[in-house]
Protein backbone atom coordinates (compact mmCIF):
# COMPACT_ATOMS: atom_id res chain seq x y z
CA MET A 1 -20.99 -15.42 111.13
CA LEU A 2 -20.58 -15.64 115.07
CA VAL A 3 -17.98 -13.45 116.34
CA PRO A 4 -16.79 -12.42 119.90
CA VAL A 5 -17.67 -8.86 120.76
CA GLU A 6 -16.50 -6.47 123.19
CA THR A 7 -16.37 -8.03 126.74
CA GLU A 8 -19.07 -5.06 128.15
CA ILE A 9 -21.56 -6.47 125.51
CA THR A 10 -20.32 -9.98 125.47
CA ASP A 11 -20.92 -10.45 129.22
CA ARG A 12 -24.58 -9.53 128.60
CA MET A 13 -25.34 -11.98 126.43
CA SER A 14 -25.89 -15.92 126.94
CA PHE A 15 -24.61 -17.35 123.59
CA PRO A 16 -22.24 -15.74 121.08
CA VAL A 17 -23.81 -13.66 118.43
CA HIS A 18 -22.80 -11.51 115.42
CA GLU A 19 -21.69 -8.17 116.77
CA LEU A 20 -24.14 -6.25 114.82
CA VAL A 21 -26.68 -8.00 116.83
CA ALA A 22 -25.12 -7.21 119.95
CA ARG A 23 -24.49 -3.64 119.35
CA ARG A 24 -28.05 -2.97 118.30
CA TRP A 25 -30.07 -0.97 120.74
CA SER A 26 -32.70 1.52 120.45
CA PRO A 27 -31.62 5.06 122.15
CA LYS A 28 -34.31 8.07 122.81
CA ALA A 29 -31.31 10.54 122.38
CA PHE A 30 -30.37 11.43 118.90
CA SER A 31 -27.62 14.10 117.53
CA ALA A 32 -28.82 16.57 115.32
CA ARG A 33 -26.28 15.64 112.75
CA PRO A 34 -28.01 14.73 109.39
CA VAL A 35 -27.93 11.64 108.04
CA GLU A 36 -25.93 11.21 104.75
CA PRO A 37 -28.42 10.68 101.78
CA GLU A 38 -26.25 7.58 100.63
CA LYS A 39 -26.34 6.24 103.97
CA LEU A 40 -30.06 6.48 103.82
CA ARG A 41 -30.37 4.86 100.33
CA SER A 42 -27.92 2.09 101.89
CA LEU A 43 -30.69 1.42 104.85
CA PHE A 44 -33.55 1.04 102.16
CA GLU A 45 -31.41 -0.97 99.75
CA ALA A 46 -30.68 -3.49 102.67
CA ALA A 47 -34.79 -3.49 103.76
CA ARG A 48 -35.08 -4.13 99.92
CA LEU A 49 -33.32 -7.20 100.05
CA ALA A 50 -35.22 -9.00 102.92
CA PRO A 51 -36.90 -11.97 102.12
CA SER A 52 -40.46 -12.21 101.60
CA SER A 53 -43.21 -14.71 100.94
CA TYR A 54 -43.66 -15.30 97.14
CA ASN A 55 -41.26 -12.35 97.06
CA GLU A 56 -43.87 -9.96 97.06
CA GLN A 57 -42.03 -7.22 99.24
CA PRO A 58 -45.00 -6.31 100.95
CA TRP A 59 -43.27 -3.25 102.54
CA ARG A 60 -43.60 0.61 101.99
CA PHE A 61 -41.91 3.37 103.62
CA ILE A 62 -42.91 7.07 104.02
CA VAL A 63 -39.27 9.06 105.07
CA ALA A 64 -38.96 12.64 106.12
CA THR A 65 -35.81 14.48 107.56
CA GLN A 66 -35.50 17.42 109.78
CA GLY A 67 -34.68 19.46 106.80
CA GLN A 68 -38.20 18.60 105.17
CA GLY A 69 -39.78 20.60 107.77
CA ALA A 70 -43.59 20.34 107.04
CA GLU A 71 -43.22 16.66 105.75
CA PHE A 72 -41.18 15.71 109.10
CA GLU A 73 -44.09 17.53 111.20
CA ARG A 74 -46.36 15.49 109.44
CA ILE A 75 -45.21 12.24 110.89
CA LEU A 76 -44.16 13.53 114.02
CA SER A 77 -47.66 14.94 114.59
CA THR A 78 -48.95 11.26 114.74
CA LEU A 79 -46.78 10.10 117.56
CA MET A 80 -48.11 9.85 121.14
CA GLU A 81 -46.92 12.84 123.07
CA GLY A 82 -44.20 10.56 124.93
CA ASN A 83 -42.80 9.63 121.72
CA ARG A 84 -43.08 13.15 120.52
CA GLN A 85 -40.78 14.59 123.30
CA TRP A 86 -37.69 12.81 122.17
CA ALA A 87 -38.61 11.65 118.91
CA GLN A 88 -38.75 15.45 117.49
CA HIS A 89 -34.87 15.37 117.72
CA ALA A 90 -34.17 12.49 115.22
CA PRO A 91 -32.89 13.73 112.21
CA VAL A 92 -35.05 11.34 110.18
CA LEU A 93 -38.31 9.86 111.06
CA ILE A 94 -39.74 6.64 108.80
CA LEU A 95 -43.43 5.24 108.71
CA SER A 96 -43.35 1.64 107.97
CA VAL A 97 -46.49 0.40 106.21
CA ALA A 98 -47.57 -3.25 105.11
CA THR A 99 -49.47 -4.02 101.95
CA LEU A 100 -52.40 -5.93 102.91
CA ILE A 101 -53.45 -7.82 99.91
CA GLY A 102 -51.27 -10.21 97.92
CA GLU A 103 -50.25 -9.23 94.49
CA ARG A 104 -50.32 -13.09 93.52
CA THR A 105 -53.71 -13.92 95.06
CA GLY A 106 -55.69 -10.77 95.49
CA LYS A 107 -56.54 -12.16 98.91
CA PRO A 108 -55.51 -10.66 102.43
CA ASN A 109 -51.48 -11.50 103.00
CA ARG A 110 -51.35 -12.96 106.13
CA HIS A 111 -47.42 -12.53 106.02
CA ALA A 112 -47.37 -9.05 105.32
CA TRP A 113 -46.46 -7.78 108.99
CA HIS A 114 -43.98 -10.81 109.31
CA ASP A 115 -42.24 -9.71 106.08
CA LEU A 116 -42.07 -5.88 106.80
CA GLY A 117 -40.42 -7.05 110.14
CA GLN A 118 -37.92 -8.92 108.43
CA ALA A 119 -37.06 -5.61 106.21
CA ILE A 120 -36.93 -3.58 109.22
CA ALA A 121 -34.85 -6.03 110.87
CA TYR A 122 -32.50 -5.54 107.64
CA LEU A 123 -32.69 -1.86 107.80
CA THR A 124 -31.86 -2.05 111.55
CA LEU A 125 -28.68 -4.02 110.94
CA GLN A 126 -27.31 -1.84 108.53
CA ALA A 127 -27.71 1.19 110.36
CA THR A 128 -25.87 -0.22 113.08
CA GLU A 129 -23.18 -1.08 110.61
CA LEU A 130 -23.03 2.33 109.55
CA GLY A 131 -22.92 3.65 113.14
CA LEU A 132 -26.76 4.80 113.07
CA TYR A 133 -29.30 3.93 115.68
CA VAL A 134 -33.08 3.03 115.06
CA HIS A 135 -35.89 3.43 117.61
CA GLN A 136 -39.22 1.99 116.72
CA MET A 137 -42.36 3.07 117.82
CA GLY A 138 -45.92 1.24 117.99
CA GLY A 139 -47.29 4.46 120.00
CA PHE A 140 -48.87 6.62 117.17
CA ASP A 141 -52.33 7.24 115.94
CA VAL A 142 -53.07 4.90 113.04
CA GLU A 143 -55.91 6.40 111.59
CA LEU A 144 -54.31 10.13 111.95
CA ALA A 145 -51.26 8.55 110.03
CA ARG A 146 -53.56 7.18 107.35
CA GLN A 147 -55.36 10.32 107.07
CA ARG A 148 -52.19 12.89 107.17
CA LEU A 149 -49.90 10.86 105.01
CA GLN A 150 -52.62 9.88 102.68
CA ILE A 151 -52.18 6.40 102.73
CA PRO A 152 -54.64 4.42 100.48
CA GLU A 153 -57.04 1.64 101.34
CA GLY A 154 -55.06 -1.96 101.33
CA TYR A 155 -52.14 -0.52 103.03
CA GLU A 156 -51.43 -0.29 106.91
CA PRO A 157 -49.23 1.91 108.91
CA VAL A 158 -47.35 -0.43 111.40
CA ALA A 159 -44.73 1.55 113.03
CA VAL A 160 -42.88 5.12 113.10
CA ILE A 161 -39.13 4.77 113.37
CA ALA A 162 -36.45 7.46 114.48
CA LEU A 163 -33.23 7.33 113.05
CA GLY A 164 -29.87 8.94 113.57
CA TYR A 165 -26.68 9.18 115.25
CA LEU A 166 -26.35 8.95 119.22
CA ASP A 167 -26.24 12.13 120.90
CA GLU A 168 -22.72 11.60 122.16
CA ALA A 169 -23.39 13.85 125.16
CA GLN A 170 -25.90 11.50 126.50
CA GLY A 171 -23.50 8.93 126.84
CA THR A 172 -22.65 5.66 124.38
CA SER A 173 -22.95 3.11 126.83
CA MET A 174 -25.69 0.61 126.00
CA PRO A 175 -28.05 -0.11 129.15
CA PRO A 176 -28.45 -3.56 130.16
CA ARG A 177 -30.93 -5.64 128.01
CA ASN A 178 -34.18 -7.06 129.63
CA ARG A 179 -34.52 -10.13 127.77
CA LYS A 180 -36.36 -13.50 128.25
CA ALA A 181 -34.26 -16.60 128.56
CA VAL A 182 -33.90 -18.66 125.38
CA GLU A 183 -35.62 -21.58 127.18
CA ASP A 184 -38.67 -19.43 127.72
CA LEU A 185 -39.00 -18.74 124.27
CA VAL A 186 -37.84 -21.70 122.17
CA PHE A 187 -39.35 -25.13 122.75
CA SER A 188 -38.54 -28.58 121.37
CA GLY A 189 -40.92 -30.53 119.06
CA ARG A 190 -44.19 -29.04 120.53
CA TRP A 191 -45.33 -26.46 122.79
CA GLY A 192 -43.74 -25.74 126.37
CA GLN A 193 -41.40 -28.67 125.74
CA ALA A 194 -37.93 -27.91 126.94
CA THR A 195 -35.49 -27.63 124.33
CA GLU A 196 -33.23 -30.73 123.88
CA GLY A 197 -30.12 -31.11 121.73
CA PHE A 198 -28.87 -27.92 121.69
């Protein structure tokens, strides 16, 4: 359902979108407030319901909360220094992992990363609905993650996700989005041809 959203966000949109899509953003300032276990379960339930090729659900997640000490530090230690500086304050860190081999065929699943991305999108929108924020990071050491988190062969670490409540002291105003125009991203019928009819 397309709904109007508050003026300060709507003014930044070229076309109307769902409120959850409009409100989603990736802060670097998280509150120390723990994320309730039932909310975490809701996030992964949303991810579980994402579509995937042949319904193989080629995604796995390794989760650690601040309260888990060593487990949290293990994921944190894989991040590049710039990300580690702010992500250490998030109450939850998640490593997303793609299943590279299809269960049905036993061959490489070329859709695994696409499907994992959909699961993360579902998780992210559910987080937004629950008042939580998600910041995804590609800046981490893949091999270190594979080693320290004991990820078996056939699985690929994809991103580290910081999750939590926004640090109100840092402000709650969503910064301007820097996005390409729709016409730069969507073509009609063939590559590079301007969209027509919508």
